[in-house]
Amino acid sequence: MRIPPYYRNPFWQRFFAGMVIGACLSWGIFLYMHGVMIEDKSTEISKLKAEVEKEKKKVKIWQDDYKALNEENLQKLTIQEIEVKIKNGEKYDLDTLAVLQAEDEIKDDLNYFLAKDLEFVYKSRDLISKVIKNKVIPLNGKRYRLKITSLVVYTTVNLQLELHLDD
């Protein structure tokens, strides 16, 4: 069997040449259109990535601010410190070391209230006064009881106390 001699006929030669040239032109047009489309999509993706990063930074800033405000509010609403001051230590000729030791002992008894809710401590102020009134402190061979002259409950609990000889 033999192949028909179409390659000698100029009509068929033009037809096949046209097919090859048309395939090359259509392939070039396809590559150009696909390249333009991909370039547009890649620039759009890069813009969206930049926008997403910007929004992530904004969200991070808002979250940090929110956390900082929450921590600040928690610190404002909890007991941070307890201050105890004994006013009349000089009346009984007590040295400052003995008075400071007594203040530290009272602070140790009240350390339970550190980092507690402000409302809880305010409701427990009767318990605080009972703990202090029932406390007998030995100083310089004598026994003393305490009396609360001032109790202020806020983020810092301030106690003003007076010493009295125990009967």
Protein backbone atom coordinates (compact mmCIF):
# COMPACT_ATOMS: atom_id res chain seq x y z
CA MET A 1 0.00 0.00 0.00
CA ARG A 2 1.30 3.38 -0.79
CA ILE A 3 0.64 6.88 0.55
CA PRO A 4 -1.21 9.14 -1.89
CA PRO A 5 1.03 11.82 -3.32
CA TYR A 6 -0.75 14.81 -1.71
CA TYR A 7 2.52 16.47 -0.93
CA ARG A 8 3.03 17.26 -4.59
CA ASN A 9 -0.30 19.05 -5.00
CA PRO A 10 0.04 22.80 -4.20
CA PHE A 11 -3.49 22.95 -2.73
CA TRP A 12 -2.64 20.40 -0.06
CA GLN A 13 0.73 21.98 0.60
CA ARG A 14 -0.96 25.32 1.31
CA PHE A 15 -3.57 23.58 3.46
CA PHE A 16 -0.99 21.80 5.65
CA ALA A 17 1.21 24.92 5.84
CA GLY A 18 -1.84 26.94 6.88
CA MET A 19 -2.65 24.36 9.54
CA VAL A 20 0.89 24.57 10.95
CA ILE A 21 0.94 28.38 10.87
CA GLY A 22 -2.57 28.54 12.40
CA ALA A 23 -1.54 26.11 15.15
CA CYS A 24 1.54 28.22 15.92
CA LEU A 25 -0.48 31.47 15.93
CA SER A 26 -3.26 30.00 18.09
CA TRP A 27 -0.65 28.57 20.49
CA GLY A 28 1.00 32.01 20.73
CA ILE A 29 -2.37 33.72 21.35
CA PHE A 30 -3.23 31.10 23.98
CA LEU A 31 0.10 31.65 25.77
CA TYR A 32 -0.35 35.44 25.66
CA MET A 33 -3.92 35.32 27.02
CA HIS A 34 -3.00 32.76 29.67
CA GLY A 35 0.06 34.83 30.71
CA VAL A 36 -1.98 38.02 31.00
CA MET A 37 -4.66 36.22 33.02
CA ILE A 38 -2.09 34.63 35.36
CA GLU A 39 -0.31 37.96 35.80
CA ASP A 40 -3.59 39.67 36.72
CA LYS A 41 -4.45 36.90 39.16
CA SER A 42 -0.98 36.95 40.74
CA THR A 43 -1.13 40.74 41.28
CA GLU A 44 -4.61 40.35 42.76
CA ILE A 45 -3.37 37.58 45.06
CA SER A 46 -0.39 39.66 46.19
CA LYS A 47 -2.71 42.62 46.91
CA LEU A 48 -5.04 40.38 48.89
CA LYS A 49 -2.10 38.89 50.81
CA ALA A 50 -0.90 42.38 51.72
CA GLU A 51 -4.43 43.32 52.81
CA VAL A 52 -4.74 40.15 54.89
CA GLU A 53 -1.39 40.86 56.58
CA LYS A 54 -2.49 44.42 57.31
CA GLU A 55 -5.75 43.16 58.80
CA LYS A 56 -3.88 40.54 60.85
CA LYS A 57 -1.67 43.30 62.27
CA LYS A 58 -4.76 45.34 63.15
CA VAL A 59 -6.35 42.33 64.83
CA LYS A 60 -3.12 41.67 66.76
CA ILE A 61 -3.03 45.28 67.95
CA TRP A 62 -6.67 45.10 69.03
CA GLN A 63 -6.09 41.79 70.82
CA ASP A 64 -3.03 43.16 72.63
CA ASP A 65 -4.97 46.24 73.70
CA TYR A 66 -7.87 44.06 74.81
CA LYS A 67 -5.57 41.81 76.84
CA ALA A 68 -3.84 44.80 78.40
CA LEU A 69 -7.16 46.37 79.36
CA ASN A 70 -8.38 43.07 80.81
CA GLU A 71 -5.22 42.68 82.88
CA GLU A 72 -5.48 46.28 84.02
CA ASN A 73 -9.11 45.80 85.03
CA LEU A 74 -8.27 42.60 86.86
CA GLN A 75 -5.53 44.39 88.76
CA LYS A 76 -7.88 47.21 89.60
CA LEU A 77 -10.50 44.84 90.92
CA THR A 78 -8.27 42.63 93.06
CA ILE A 79 -6.38 43.27 96.24
CA GLN A 80 -2.80 44.08 95.32
CA GLU A 81 -1.31 44.99 98.69
CA ILE A 82 -2.03 45.05 102.40
CA GLU A 83 -0.69 47.92 104.47
CA VAL A 84 -0.73 47.75 108.26
CA LYS A 85 0.22 50.68 110.49
CA ILE A 86 0.30 50.59 114.29
CA LYS A 87 -0.12 54.16 115.49
CA ASN A 88 0.51 54.13 119.23
CA GLY A 89 3.69 52.07 119.63
CA GLU A 90 5.46 54.99 121.35
CA LYS A 91 2.81 55.09 124.05
CA TYR A 92 4.03 51.74 125.43
CA ASP A 93 7.74 52.50 124.77
CA LEU A 94 8.04 49.88 122.05
CA ASP A 95 10.98 50.03 119.71
CA THR A 96 10.34 50.27 115.98
CA LEU A 97 11.62 46.73 115.37
CA ALA A 98 8.96 45.25 117.65
CA VAL A 99 6.27 47.34 115.98
CA LEU A 100 7.46 46.27 112.52
CA GLN A 101 7.47 42.62 113.59
CA ALA A 102 3.90 42.99 114.86
CA GLU A 103 2.84 44.64 111.59
CA ASP A 104 4.48 41.84 109.59
CA GLU A 105 2.75 39.21 111.71
CA ILE A 106 -0.62 40.83 111.02
CA LYS A 107 0.19 41.07 107.30
CA ASP A 108 1.02 37.35 107.30
CA ASP A 109 -2.37 36.61 108.85
CA LEU A 110 -4.10 38.69 106.16
CA ASN A 111 -2.10 37.36 103.17
CA TYR A 112 -5.06 35.13 102.38
CA PHE A 113 -6.86 38.19 101.00
CA LEU A 114 -4.14 39.07 98.47
CA ALA A 115 -5.27 38.69 94.84
CA LYS A 116 -8.87 38.17 95.96
CA ASP A 117 -11.80 39.95 94.43
CA LEU A 118 -12.51 43.38 95.85
CA GLU A 119 -16.14 42.52 96.55
CA PHE A 120 -15.15 39.35 98.43
CA VAL A 121 -12.76 41.27 100.68
CA TYR A 122 -15.32 43.99 101.30
CA LYS A 123 -17.87 41.38 102.38
CA SER A 124 -15.21 39.76 104.58
CA ARG A 125 -14.26 42.93 106.46
CA ASP A 126 -16.01 41.60 109.57
CA LEU A 127 -13.78 38.54 109.40
CA ILE A 128 -10.73 40.79 109.10
CA SER A 129 -11.76 42.77 112.16
CA LYS A 130 -12.39 39.59 114.17
CA VAL A 131 -9.01 38.16 113.19
CA ILE A 132 -7.29 41.33 114.35
CA LYS A 133 -9.34 41.79 117.54
CA ASN A 134 -8.73 38.20 118.65
CA LYS A 135 -5.02 38.40 117.96
CA VAL A 136 -2.77 38.64 121.02
CA ILE A 137 0.71 39.89 120.24
CA PRO A 138 3.57 39.41 122.73
CA LEU A 139 5.99 42.33 122.55
CA ASN A 140 8.85 42.91 125.00
CA GLY A 141 7.44 40.43 127.52
CA LYS A 142 3.94 41.97 127.53
CA ARG A 143 0.81 40.88 125.73
CA TYR A 144 -1.07 43.35 123.59
CA ARG A 145 -4.41 43.31 121.80
CA LEU A 146 -5.16 45.31 118.70
CA LYS A 147 -8.02 47.63 117.93
CA ILE A 148 -8.89 48.76 114.41
CA THR A 149 -9.16 52.53 114.09
CA SER A 150 -9.41 52.63 110.31
CA LEU A 151 -10.04 50.01 107.64
CA VAL A 152 -10.05 51.02 103.98
CA VAL A 153 -10.73 48.32 101.39
CA TYR A 154 -9.68 49.09 97.85
CA THR A 155 -6.97 47.60 95.66
CA THR A 156 -4.79 48.24 98.70
CA VAL A 157 -6.20 47.31 102.12
CA ASN A 158 -5.12 49.99 104.60
CA LEU A 159 -5.35 49.16 108.28
CA GLN A 160 -4.73 51.66 111.07
CA LEU A 161 -4.37 49.85 114.41
CA GLU A 162 -3.89 50.76 118.05
CA LEU A 163 -2.26 48.62 120.71
CA HIS A 164 -3.87 48.01 124.11
CA LEU A 165 -2.54 45.98 127.00
CA ASP A 166 -4.21 42.58 127.33
CA ASP A 167 -6.02 42.02 130.61
